[in-house]
Every structure is written in structure tokens, then in C-alpha cells.
């Protein structure tokens, strides 16, 4: 059974940065597109960013454009989300997702607060 393990979340001040990682295993990572979602308290889960198998194509939610960067390292079976200029409204649990299988990781908490 495939596994997705997110890490890198934490507490950061507004304007700060975090890099999230999602380590994938038990499937051929390099052949699948990947996504990052987030879910804030009381809100629905929303798509943040997506990346193609090779990393050549990326897409972002309007809220993430210009601040977040999704990338992947197929040799390490890992997808990343670099988040800069963080805002309190970025506070959420962040999940990686494999759209082909509908599989989610356990999530990592990001809290942006002074």
C-alpha cells in the first residue's frame, strides 16, 4: 500500500518561510502527478499546488501564486512545497495527494502567528 509522509510544518511568524516535504513510497513515484492541499479549521480542503511527473508543469491556487513553489525530486521520491511570505491565513493542515489513486498523507500542521 502506498505511503505518503508529510513533514516540515511548524509555527512561523508572518513573513517567514517553511519548506514542506512529502516522502512517497511503495509506488512508482516518478510516473504520477502530485498535489498539495490544505485545510484550515472550519473550512473545506483546498488545492494549493500541483506538479506534473517531470516537474515541468506546475499550477498554483491564486492564494499561493508568487509565494509558494512546488517541486519534486524523483530520485528521492519526494515532493516539496516551499512557502515564503507566509500569512496568518496560510494556517492549515497541509496534505500531499496522488490524484490518480486518491491517496492522502496524514498532513502536517502549519501555523502562522506572531
C-alpha atoms as a PDB file:
ATOM      1  CA  UNK A   1       0.000   0.000   0.000  1.00  0.00           C
ATOM      2  CA  UNK A   2       1.365   3.364  -0.961  1.00  0.00           C
ATOM      3  CA  UNK A   3       2.598   5.704   1.731  1.00  0.00           C
ATOM      4  CA  UNK A   4       2.822   9.477   1.825  1.00  0.00           C
ATOM      5  CA  UNK A   5       4.525  11.084   4.802  1.00  0.00           C
ATOM      6  CA  UNK A   6       4.497  14.853   5.124  1.00  0.00           C
ATOM      7  CA  UNK A   7       6.938  16.800   7.263  1.00  0.00           C
ATOM      8  CA  UNK A   8       8.298  20.299   7.717  1.00  0.00           C
ATOM      9  CA  UNK A   9       5.331  22.037   9.267  1.00  0.00           C
ATOM     10  CA  UNK A  10       5.525  24.158  12.374  1.00  0.00           C
ATOM     11  CA  UNK A  11       4.964  27.562  13.908  1.00  0.00           C
ATOM     12  CA  UNK A  12       6.324  30.521  11.960  1.00  0.00           C
ATOM     13  CA  UNK A  13       5.889  34.265  12.204  1.00  0.00           C
ATOM     14  CA  UNK A  14       4.117  36.224   9.468  1.00  0.00           C
ATOM     15  CA  UNK A  15       6.531  36.858   6.623  1.00  0.00           C
ATOM     16  CA  UNK A  16       8.515  33.739   7.395  1.00  0.00           C
ATOM     17  CA  UNK A  17       9.181  30.648   5.328  1.00  0.00           C
ATOM     18  CA  UNK A  18       8.745  26.904   5.583  1.00  0.00           C
ATOM     19  CA  UNK A  19       9.534  24.028   3.288  1.00  0.00           C
ATOM     20  CA  UNK A  20       7.199  21.066   3.414  1.00  0.00           C
ATOM     21  CA  UNK A  21       8.257  17.640   2.238  1.00  0.00           C
ATOM     22  CA  UNK A  22       6.203  14.622   1.262  1.00  0.00           C
ATOM     23  CA  UNK A  23       8.100  11.359   1.105  1.00  0.00           C
ATOM     24  CA  UNK A  24       6.403   8.759  -1.043  1.00  0.00           C
ATOM     25  CA  UNK A  25       6.924   5.024  -1.044  1.00  0.00           C
ATOM     26  CA  UNK A  26       5.518   1.763  -2.343  1.00  0.00           C
ATOM     27  CA  UNK A  27       4.571   3.098  -5.740  1.00  0.00           C
ATOM     28  CA  UNK A  28       6.401   4.391  -8.798  1.00  0.00           C
ATOM     29  CA  UNK A  29       6.521   7.997  -7.692  1.00  0.00           C
ATOM     30  CA  UNK A  30       8.104   9.391 -10.850  1.00  0.00           C
ATOM     31  CA  UNK A  31       5.165   8.364 -13.024  1.00  0.00           C
ATOM     32  CA  UNK A  32       2.465  10.214 -11.103  1.00  0.00           C
ATOM     33  CA  UNK A  33       1.468  13.842 -10.837  1.00  0.00           C
ATOM     34  CA  UNK A  34       1.324  15.168  -7.301  1.00  0.00           C
ATOM     35  CA  UNK A  35      -0.612  17.853  -5.466  1.00  0.00           C
ATOM     36  CA  UNK A  36      -0.530  19.776  -2.218  1.00  0.00           C
ATOM     37  CA  UNK A  37      -3.808  20.635  -0.493  1.00  0.00           C
ATOM     38  CA  UNK A  38      -4.548  22.422   2.737  1.00  0.00           C
ATOM     39  CA  UNK A  39      -7.429  22.528   5.175  1.00  0.00           C
ATOM     40  CA  UNK A  40      -7.937  25.332   7.633  1.00  0.00           C
ATOM     41  CA  UNK A  41     -10.151  24.911  10.704  1.00  0.00           C
ATOM     42  CA  UNK A  42     -13.806  25.026   9.742  1.00  0.00           C
ATOM     43  CA  UNK A  43     -13.056  25.185   6.041  1.00  0.00           C
ATOM     44  CA  UNK A  44     -13.041  22.738   3.170  1.00  0.00           C
ATOM     45  CA  UNK A  45      -9.832  21.237   1.899  1.00  0.00           C
ATOM     46  CA  UNK A  46      -8.450  23.315  -0.966  1.00  0.00           C
ATOM     47  CA  UNK A  47      -5.910  22.702  -3.696  1.00  0.00           C
ATOM     48  CA  UNK A  48      -2.716  24.694  -3.237  1.00  0.00           C
ATOM     49  CA  UNK A  49      -0.415  23.481  -5.993  1.00  0.00           C
ATOM     50  CA  UNK A  50       0.129  20.667  -8.453  1.00  0.00           C
ATOM     51  CA  UNK A  51       3.095  19.325 -10.371  1.00  0.00           C
ATOM     52  CA  UNK A  52       3.495  17.042 -13.360  1.00  0.00           C
ATOM     53  CA  UNK A  53       5.524  13.852 -13.359  1.00  0.00           C
ATOM     54  CA  UNK A  54       8.678  15.549 -14.610  1.00  0.00           C
ATOM     55  CA  UNK A  55       8.162  18.785 -12.723  1.00  0.00           C
ATOM     56  CA  UNK A  56       7.982  20.807 -15.924  1.00  0.00           C
ATOM     57  CA  UNK A  57       4.374  21.839 -15.367  1.00  0.00           C
ATOM     58  CA  UNK A  58       3.167  23.416 -12.163  1.00  0.00           C
ATOM     59  CA  UNK A  59      -0.053  25.139 -11.200  1.00  0.00           C
ATOM     60  CA  UNK A  60      -0.996  27.197  -8.182  1.00  0.00           C
ATOM     61  CA  UNK A  61      -4.059  28.487  -6.430  1.00  0.00           C
ATOM     62  CA  UNK A  62      -4.344  32.251  -6.639  1.00  0.00           C
ATOM     63  CA  UNK A  63      -3.578  32.435  -2.921  1.00  0.00           C
ATOM     64  CA  UNK A  64      -0.254  30.667  -3.490  1.00  0.00           C
ATOM     65  CA  UNK A  65       0.973  32.331  -6.668  1.00  0.00           C
ATOM     66  CA  UNK A  66       4.180  34.267  -6.223  1.00  0.00           C
ATOM     67  CA  UNK A  67       4.764  32.942  -2.699  1.00  0.00           C
ATOM     68  CA  UNK A  68       4.747  29.141  -2.896  1.00  0.00           C
ATOM     69  CA  UNK A  69       6.803  26.846  -5.110  1.00  0.00           C
ATOM     70  CA  UNK A  70       6.072  23.176  -5.671  1.00  0.00           C
ATOM     71  CA  UNK A  71       8.899  20.929  -6.808  1.00  0.00           C
ATOM     72  CA  UNK A  72       9.836  17.275  -6.829  1.00  0.00           C
ATOM     73  CA  UNK A  73      12.885  15.078  -6.688  1.00  0.00           C
ATOM     74  CA  UNK A  74      12.061  11.813  -8.413  1.00  0.00           C
ATOM     75  CA  UNK A  75      15.337  10.274  -7.302  1.00  0.00           C
ATOM     76  CA  UNK A  76      14.306  10.813  -3.691  1.00  0.00           C
ATOM     77  CA  UNK A  77      10.583  10.077  -4.222  1.00  0.00           C
ATOM     78  CA  UNK A  78       9.770  13.394  -2.605  1.00  0.00           C
ATOM     79  CA  UNK A  79       7.607  16.371  -3.444  1.00  0.00           C
ATOM     80  CA  UNK A  80       8.201  19.729  -1.794  1.00  0.00           C
ATOM     81  CA  UNK A  81       6.281  22.902  -1.109  1.00  0.00           C
ATOM     82  CA  UNK A  82       8.415  25.944  -0.448  1.00  0.00           C
ATOM     83  CA  UNK A  83       6.302  28.593   1.242  1.00  0.00           C
ATOM     84  CA  UNK A  84       7.557  32.153   1.546  1.00  0.00           C
ATOM     85  CA  UNK A  85       5.989  35.378   2.817  1.00  0.00           C
ATOM     86  CA  UNK A  86       3.624  33.352   4.962  1.00  0.00           C
ATOM     87  CA  UNK A  87       0.430  34.948   6.209  1.00  0.00           C
ATOM     88  CA  UNK A  88      -1.843  34.040   9.126  1.00  0.00           C
ATOM     89  CA  UNK A  89      -4.430  32.882   6.597  1.00  0.00           C
ATOM     90  CA  UNK A  90      -1.989  30.208   5.437  1.00  0.00           C
ATOM     91  CA  UNK A  91      -2.535  28.433   8.752  1.00  0.00           C
ATOM     92  CA  UNK A  92      -3.834  24.969   7.937  1.00  0.00           C
ATOM     93  CA  UNK A  93      -3.001  21.299   7.814  1.00  0.00           C
ATOM     94  CA  UNK A  94      -1.145  20.648   4.572  1.00  0.00           C
ATOM     95  CA  UNK A  95      -1.541  17.348   2.742  1.00  0.00           C
ATOM     96  CA  UNK A  96       0.112  15.782  -0.240  1.00  0.00           C
ATOM     97  CA  UNK A  97      -2.068  13.855  -2.640  1.00  0.00           C
ATOM     98  CA  UNK A  98      -1.775  11.467  -5.542  1.00  0.00           C
ATOM     99  CA  UNK A  99      -4.730  12.246  -7.813  1.00  0.00           C
ATOM    100  CA  UNK A 100      -4.531   9.001  -9.751  1.00  0.00           C
ATOM    101  CA  UNK A 101      -5.132   6.936  -6.630  1.00  0.00           C
ATOM    102  CA  UNK A 102      -6.995   9.405  -4.478  1.00  0.00           C
ATOM    103  CA  UNK A 103      -4.429   8.839  -1.739  1.00  0.00           C
ATOM    104  CA  UNK A 104      -3.629  11.289   1.028  1.00  0.00           C
ATOM    105  CA  UNK A 105      -0.834  11.669   3.514  1.00  0.00           C
ATOM    106  CA  UNK A 106      -1.502  12.273   7.202  1.00  0.00           C
ATOM    107  CA  UNK A 107      -0.861  16.000   6.920  1.00  0.00           C
ATOM    108  CA  UNK A 108       1.486  18.454   8.583  1.00  0.00           C
ATOM    109  CA  UNK A 109       0.327  21.459  10.603  1.00  0.00           C
ATOM    110  CA  UNK A 110       1.428  24.920   9.542  1.00  0.00           C
ATOM    111  CA  UNK A 111       0.669  27.756  11.938  1.00  0.00           C
ATOM    112  CA  UNK A 112       1.485  31.349  11.023  1.00  0.00           C
ATOM    113  CA  UNK A 113       1.251  33.583  14.043  1.00  0.00           C
ATOM    114  CA  UNK A 114       3.170  36.249  15.893  1.00  0.00           C
END
